[in-house]
Protein backbone atom coordinates (compact mmCIF):
# COMPACT_ATOMS: atom_id res chain seq x y z
CA MET A 1 -49.95 296.52 -7.79
CA ARG A 2 -53.39 293.89 -8.21
CA ASP A 3 -55.35 296.03 -10.49
CA ASP A 4 -52.75 297.65 -12.56
CA PRO A 5 -54.46 297.08 -15.75
CA ALA A 6 -50.68 297.43 -17.47
CA ARG A 7 -49.98 294.22 -16.38
CA PRO A 8 -52.65 292.55 -16.70
CA TRP A 9 -51.93 288.51 -16.06
CA ARG A 10 -53.04 287.53 -19.26
CA ALA A 11 -49.56 288.91 -21.15
CA ALA A 12 -46.94 286.23 -22.17
CA ALA A 13 -44.35 285.43 -19.66
CA ALA A 14 -40.79 284.94 -20.09
CA SER A 15 -39.81 281.42 -20.89
CA TYR A 16 -36.74 281.82 -18.48
CA VAL A 17 -35.32 284.15 -16.39
CA GLY A 18 -31.38 285.09 -15.52
CA ASP A 19 -28.64 285.98 -18.06
CA GLU A 20 -28.40 282.64 -19.52
CA PRO A 21 -31.08 279.85 -21.00
CA PRO A 22 -31.63 276.39 -19.12
CA THR A 23 -29.11 274.11 -20.52
CA TYR A 24 -31.77 271.50 -21.79
CA GLU A 25 -34.81 272.48 -23.76
CA THR A 26 -38.20 273.17 -22.02
CA GLU A 27 -41.05 271.76 -24.04
CA PRO A 28 -40.78 267.96 -23.89
CA THR A 29 -38.81 266.00 -26.41
CA THR A 30 -38.61 261.88 -25.65
CA LEU A 31 -41.58 260.20 -24.49
CA PRO A 32 -40.77 257.76 -21.56
CA LEU A 33 -39.90 253.68 -22.60
CA THR A 34 -43.22 251.94 -22.44
CA ASP A 35 -43.82 248.43 -21.40
CA PRO A 36 -46.72 247.32 -23.71
CA GLU A 37 -48.43 244.57 -20.29
CA GLU A 38 -47.98 247.77 -18.02
CA LEU A 39 -49.83 250.49 -19.45
CA ARG A 40 -51.44 251.69 -16.30
CA GLU A 41 -48.07 253.05 -15.58
CA VAL A 42 -47.77 255.71 -18.21
CA VAL A 43 -47.44 258.82 -16.47
CA PRO A 44 -48.39 261.97 -18.45
CA ASP A 45 -45.62 264.78 -18.81
CA THR A 46 -48.47 267.92 -17.59
CA VAL A 47 -50.99 267.84 -15.66
CA LEU A 48 -53.31 270.58 -14.63
CA GLU A 49 -56.50 271.42 -12.06
CA GLY A 50 -58.43 273.79 -11.01
CA ALA A 51 -61.09 274.84 -9.00
CA ARG A 52 -63.19 277.96 -7.36
CA TYR A 53 -64.94 277.37 -4.09
CA GLY A 54 -66.27 280.33 -1.76
CA THR A 55 -63.69 283.17 -1.95
CA LEU A 56 -60.85 280.45 -3.16
CA THR A 57 -59.39 279.50 -6.31
CA LEU A 58 -57.19 276.53 -6.88
CA ARG A 59 -54.82 276.59 -9.53
CA ALA A 60 -52.39 273.89 -9.96
CA ALA A 61 -49.84 272.25 -12.35
CA SER A 62 -47.24 269.17 -12.36
CA LEU A 63 -44.70 269.11 -15.12
CA ARG A 64 -41.56 266.99 -15.90
CA GLY A 65 -38.40 268.64 -15.63
CA ASP A 66 -35.83 269.32 -18.26
CA VAL A 67 -33.57 266.44 -17.60
CA ALA A 68 -36.38 264.29 -17.35
CA ARG A 69 -38.07 265.13 -20.76
CA TYR A 70 -34.63 264.99 -22.52
CA ARG A 71 -33.72 261.58 -21.19
CA GLY A 72 -37.41 260.14 -22.00
CA GLU A 73 -37.65 259.51 -17.58
CA PRO A 74 -41.05 259.71 -16.60
CA ARG A 75 -42.12 262.40 -14.06
CA ARG A 76 -41.80 261.79 -10.63
CA ASP A 77 -43.83 264.11 -9.38
CA ALA A 78 -47.46 263.30 -8.10
CA LEU A 79 -50.75 265.60 -8.40
CA LEU A 80 -54.10 264.68 -6.12
CA ALA A 81 -56.68 267.75 -6.10
CA VAL A 82 -59.98 266.01 -5.01
CA ARG A 83 -63.49 267.39 -2.74
CA PHE A 84 -65.01 265.54 -0.47
CA GLY A 85 -68.44 266.01 0.98
CA THR A 86 -71.02 268.56 -0.52
CA GLY A 87 -71.80 271.59 -0.34
CA ASP A 88 -70.43 274.28 2.23
CA SER A 89 -69.43 270.86 4.40
CA ALA A 90 -67.22 270.22 1.30
CA LEU A 91 -63.25 269.55 1.71
CA LEU A 92 -60.68 270.24 -0.60
CA LEU A 93 -57.13 267.79 -0.45
CA VAL A 94 -54.48 268.78 -2.63
CA ALA A 95 -51.84 266.36 -2.19
CA VAL A 96 -48.18 266.78 -3.55
CA ALA A 97 -45.55 264.27 -3.91
CA SER A 98 -42.09 263.42 -5.06
CA GLY A 99 -40.37 260.11 -5.83
CA GLN A 100 -36.51 259.22 -5.13
CA ARG A 101 -34.62 260.56 -7.66
CA ALA A 102 -33.27 257.41 -9.91
CA ALA A 103 -35.42 255.06 -7.53
CA PRO A 104 -37.37 252.04 -9.04
CA GLY A 105 -41.01 253.07 -9.75
CA ALA A 106 -41.03 256.31 -8.16
CA HIS A 107 -43.74 257.85 -10.21
CA ARG A 108 -45.32 255.15 -8.41
CA VAL A 109 -44.70 255.50 -4.86
CA ALA A 110 -45.45 259.23 -5.25
CA ARG A 111 -48.36 258.72 -6.49
CA GLU A 112 -49.73 255.91 -4.35
CA LEU A 113 -48.98 257.98 -1.05
CA CYS A 114 -50.83 260.63 -2.43
CA GLU A 115 -53.59 258.42 -2.77
CA TRP A 116 -53.38 256.70 0.47
CA VAL A 117 -53.25 259.85 2.25
CA ALA A 118 -56.52 261.09 0.17
CA GLY A 119 -58.18 257.84 0.83
CA ALA A 120 -57.17 258.58 4.65
CA VAL A 121 -58.52 262.20 4.34
CA GLY A 122 -61.51 261.10 2.78
CA ARG A 123 -62.78 258.84 5.36
CA ASN A 124 -62.63 261.39 7.77
CA GLN A 125 -64.06 264.31 6.27
CA ALA A 126 -67.12 265.20 8.49
CA ARG A 127 -64.52 265.06 11.31
CA LEU A 128 -62.07 267.47 9.42
CA THR A 129 -64.07 269.99 8.36
CA GLU A 130 -65.66 269.87 12.15
CA ASP A 131 -62.04 270.78 13.40
CA LEU A 132 -61.09 273.43 10.66
CA HIS A 133 -64.25 275.53 11.17
CA THR A 134 -63.61 275.78 15.06
CA ALA A 135 -59.90 275.71 14.43
CA ASN A 136 -58.93 272.93 16.52
CA ARG A 137 -55.29 272.86 15.73
CA GLY A 138 -54.55 270.50 18.44
CA ALA A 139 -56.67 268.07 17.04
CA LEU A 140 -55.59 268.54 13.47
CA SER A 141 -51.96 268.68 13.94
CA SER A 142 -52.61 264.93 15.53
CA GLY A 143 -54.85 263.45 13.43
CA LEU A 144 -53.17 264.45 10.11
CA HIS A 145 -49.94 263.49 11.71
CA ARG A 146 -51.58 260.40 12.73
CA LEU A 147 -52.43 259.68 8.90
CA THR A 148 -49.61 260.34 7.61
CA ASP A 149 -47.27 258.07 9.32
CA ARG A 150 -49.80 255.00 8.69
CA ALA A 151 -49.25 256.02 5.04
CA TYR A 152 -45.54 255.68 5.45
CA GLY A 153 -46.25 252.59 7.05
CA ARG A 154 -47.63 251.67 4.20
CA LEU A 155 -44.32 252.37 1.90
CA ARG A 156 -42.39 250.65 4.55
CA ALA A 157 -44.29 247.29 4.40
CA GLY A 158 -43.72 247.47 0.45
CA ALA A 159 -40.29 248.24 0.35
CA THR A 160 -39.93 244.74 2.78
CA VAL A 161 -42.10 243.28 0.30
CA ARG A 162 -39.92 244.05 -2.38
CA GLY A 163 -36.56 243.40 -0.68
CA LEU A 164 -35.78 247.32 -0.96
CA ALA A 165 -34.39 250.10 1.74
CA PRO A 166 -36.78 252.21 2.83
CA ALA A 167 -35.46 255.11 1.37
CA ASP A 168 -35.12 253.74 -1.89
CA HIS A 169 -39.36 253.17 -1.74
CA THR A 170 -40.32 256.49 -0.83
CA ALA A 171 -41.41 259.88 -1.36
CA SER A 172 -41.80 263.21 0.45
CA VAL A 173 -46.01 264.80 0.26
CA ARG A 174 -47.34 267.81 1.04
CA CYS A 175 -50.60 268.62 1.57
CA LEU A 176 -53.47 271.56 1.24
CA LEU A 177 -56.36 271.33 3.60
CA LEU A 178 -59.17 273.94 2.09
CA PRO A 179 -62.76 274.66 3.83
CA ALA A 180 -65.04 275.21 0.93
CA HIS A 181 -67.35 277.21 3.31
CA PRO A 182 -67.15 280.77 1.98
CA ALA A 183 -67.13 281.76 5.95
CA CYS A 184 -63.85 279.75 6.91
CA ARG A 185 -60.46 280.97 5.62
CA THR A 186 -58.40 278.46 8.10
CA ARG A 187 -56.10 276.89 5.59
CA VAL A 188 -54.15 274.09 7.03
CA PHE A 189 -50.75 272.26 5.37
CA PHE A 190 -48.75 269.48 6.59
CA GLY A 191 -46.50 266.50 5.22
CA VAL A 192 -42.83 265.54 4.88
CA GLY A 193 -39.92 265.95 3.12
CA ASP A 194 -38.46 268.46 0.79
CA GLY A 195 -40.48 271.42 -0.81
CA GLY A 196 -41.88 274.85 -0.26
CA LEU A 197 -44.73 276.83 1.22
CA PHE A 198 -44.96 280.76 0.27
CA ARG A 199 -47.83 283.15 1.04
CA LEU A 200 -47.37 286.62 -1.43
CA ARG A 201 -49.11 288.77 0.41
CA ASP A 202 -49.05 292.91 -0.78
CA GLY A 203 -46.16 292.14 -3.65
CA VAL A 204 -44.04 290.07 -1.08
CA TRP A 205 -43.41 286.49 -1.27
CA GLN A 206 -43.20 284.95 2.38
CA ASP A 207 -41.37 281.89 3.42
CA LEU A 208 -44.02 279.94 5.72
CA GLU A 209 -42.21 276.45 5.57
CA PRO A 210 -42.48 275.05 9.17
CA ALA A 211 -39.50 273.66 10.87
CA GLY A 212 -41.00 270.60 12.13
CA GLY A 213 -40.62 268.34 14.62
CA GLU A 214 -42.86 268.09 17.51
CA ARG A 215 -42.97 271.69 18.67
CA ASP A 216 -45.39 271.98 15.57
CA THR A 217 -47.84 269.40 17.86
CA VAL A 218 -49.17 271.10 20.56
CA GLY A 219 -51.12 269.79 23.67
CA GLY A 220 -52.15 266.97 25.37
CA PRO A 221 -53.00 263.80 24.50
CA VAL A 222 -55.80 263.07 21.51
CA LEU A 223 -57.27 260.38 19.83
CA GLY A 224 -56.52 259.90 15.72
CA TYR A 225 -58.69 260.12 13.17
CA GLY A 226 -60.61 257.05 12.85
CA SER A 227 -59.53 255.74 16.76
CA GLY A 228 -62.61 257.91 18.67
CA ARG A 229 -63.84 261.15 19.28
CA PRO A 230 -61.80 263.19 21.78
CA SER A 231 -62.88 266.36 23.54
CA ALA A 232 -62.83 269.28 21.46
CA GLN A 233 -62.58 273.04 23.06
CA PRO A 234 -62.47 275.53 19.80
CA SER A 235 -60.50 278.60 20.13
CA ALA A 236 -62.20 282.26 18.90
CA GLN A 237 -60.06 283.84 16.31
CA SER A 238 -59.82 287.31 14.52
CA SER A 239 -59.87 287.25 10.94
CA ASP A 240 -55.90 287.50 10.62
CA GLN A 241 -54.62 285.59 13.22
CA GLU A 242 -52.80 282.08 13.37
CA PRO A 243 -55.13 279.51 14.35
CA GLY A 244 -54.77 279.00 18.20
CA PRO A 245 -54.09 275.67 20.35
CA GLY A 246 -56.65 273.13 20.77
CA PRO A 247 -56.32 270.60 23.43
CA GLY A 248 -52.79 269.48 22.34
CA ALA A 249 -51.52 266.53 21.58
CA THR A 250 -48.36 264.06 21.76
CA SER A 251 -46.83 263.11 18.91
CA PRO A 252 -47.83 259.58 17.62
CA PRO A 253 -45.29 257.04 18.43
CA GLU A 254 -44.40 255.87 14.48
CA ALA A 255 -41.36 255.14 13.45
CA GLU A 256 -40.07 258.98 11.78
CA PRO A 257 -40.17 258.72 7.81
CA VAL A 258 -37.13 258.57 5.87
CA HIS A 259 -37.77 262.37 4.81
CA GLY A 260 -37.60 263.71 8.08
CA PRO A 261 -39.96 264.90 10.72
CA PHE A 262 -43.87 265.93 10.05
CA ARG A 263 -44.42 269.29 9.02
CA PHE A 264 -47.87 271.51 10.06
CA ARG A 265 -48.68 274.52 10.02
CA ALA A 266 -52.50 276.58 10.06
CA SER A 267 -52.98 279.51 9.14
CA VAL A 268 -56.05 282.48 8.19
CA ALA A 269 -56.05 283.73 4.64
CA ARG A 270 -56.78 286.95 4.13
CA PRO A 271 -58.64 288.20 0.64
CA GLY A 272 -56.04 289.32 -1.69
CA ASP A 273 -53.42 286.61 -0.55
CA THR A 274 -52.12 283.96 -2.84
CA LEU A 275 -50.79 280.74 -0.63
CA LEU A 276 -48.31 278.37 -2.97
CA LEU A 277 -47.42 274.56 -2.03
CA CYS A 278 -44.72 273.36 -3.96
CA SER A 279 -42.67 270.26 -4.93
CA ALA A 280 -38.60 270.78 -3.96
CA GLY A 281 -38.22 271.44 -8.40
CA LEU A 282 -39.97 274.84 -7.80
CA ALA A 283 -39.34 275.68 -4.26
CA GLU A 284 -35.31 276.07 -4.86
CA PRO A 285 -35.53 278.39 -8.04
CA LEU A 286 -38.33 280.30 -6.10
CA ARG A 287 -35.54 280.53 -3.01
CA GLY A 288 -32.43 280.76 -4.98
CA GLU A 289 -33.41 283.05 -7.95
CA ALA A 290 -34.33 286.41 -6.97
CA ALA A 291 -35.23 287.03 -10.36
CA LEU A 292 -37.60 284.27 -10.33
CA ALA A 293 -39.27 284.97 -7.05
CA ASP A 294 -40.10 288.68 -8.63
CA ARG A 295 -41.68 287.41 -12.25
CA LEU A 296 -44.10 285.12 -10.41
CA ALA A 297 -44.85 288.00 -7.56
CA GLU A 298 -45.30 290.48 -10.60
CA ARG A 299 -47.28 287.44 -12.29
CA TRP A 300 -49.57 286.41 -9.65
CA ASP A 301 -50.45 289.45 -7.33
CA THR A 302 -53.37 289.94 -9.15
CA ALA A 303 -56.91 290.27 -8.05
CA GLU A 304 -58.04 287.46 -9.96
CA ALA A 305 -56.18 283.76 -10.13
CA PRO A 306 -54.85 283.05 -13.40
CA GLY A 307 -56.42 280.43 -16.45
CA LEU A 308 -55.03 277.72 -16.42
CA ALA A 309 -52.70 277.74 -19.34
CA ALA A 310 -51.49 281.25 -17.75
CA PHE A 311 -50.58 279.57 -14.73
CA LEU A 312 -48.69 276.38 -16.58
CA THR A 313 -46.93 278.80 -18.35
CA ASP A 314 -45.58 280.98 -15.08
CA ALA A 315 -45.10 277.67 -13.31
CA GLN A 316 -42.67 276.34 -16.13
CA THR A 317 -40.92 279.90 -16.50
CA GLY A 318 -37.12 278.29 -16.64
CA VAL A 319 -33.79 279.10 -14.58
CA LYS A 320 -30.68 277.68 -15.59
CA GLY A 321 -29.04 275.10 -12.96
CA TYR A 322 -32.70 273.84 -11.85
CA ALA A 323 -34.34 271.10 -14.15
CA ASP A 324 -36.16 268.92 -11.63
CA ASP A 325 -39.62 268.11 -11.81
CA ARG A 326 -42.23 270.76 -10.78
CA THR A 327 -45.52 270.91 -9.36
CA ALA A 328 -47.04 273.97 -7.74
CA ALA A 329 -50.77 274.39 -6.57
CA ALA A 330 -51.75 278.46 -5.47
CA VAL A 331 -54.76 279.49 -4.02
CA TRP A 332 -56.18 283.02 -4.32
CA GLU A 333 -58.04 284.35 -2.08
CA ALA A 334 -61.10 286.46 -2.77
């Protein structure tokens, strides 16, 4: 399927799948109401990102849902794709967050959560890159768990200052860590809350969503990032195995985020894989509507990644009954 010239990814995609079109118009109609004193709060309807490093190509898009476009509400999803470091030691982070529906400032909360997680990752880039290159799963899980908990601690503190319940001042966040070195194919997912993690392999979608909880953090005590340098015992990996456990870690003694348990998964990519991280706005129809899963499998099971415009067209394929914001970040492996 990958090199079939009869079905190039540049071909036009259907605007929707299923027996009926979506209830709301799929193109933007009404702009959100704007306060002239708060122009920094303006959120664009759609954001696109892309990059290519080593064996991977990234495509990412975040767009307002059909209901938000109809009602003139801002996009509650946030997307942040950044690079820390240079050359083969560079580290890419893709963060996707979704604010609470109908909560005041939901878009701001989502953006802040992405920025806080990214800041912590950037400050620990050298250590994280080393752990990725050595497949040190235990240290990665423990450290990423701790920095994620600290970001949620900042949200809880913000809720207290504003006199809000924590449940009204929070967001889901889901992230990918991608090393730029072409010889390192370890891909790490971590986060809290709703959404999806999928892999397209040999034309078939695999749902990789980890269950969460302490069983996903293995081993004995490991200090959190920024708290010191624990010893590491890298384990050798074959090209198609999950990274093995390093020294394990107990979960940090932080309060569980409102959205649920910390989730972590480390895997090794194969040439030809497409890894998809997405918010609930895409994960739910992808799981619930077979026609959408088939459509995206057909479009994205390609030897090369689509261009940004083509990726956006695919990501916004409509499905009746699903009208939330959609954010998708996909990684093509050469």
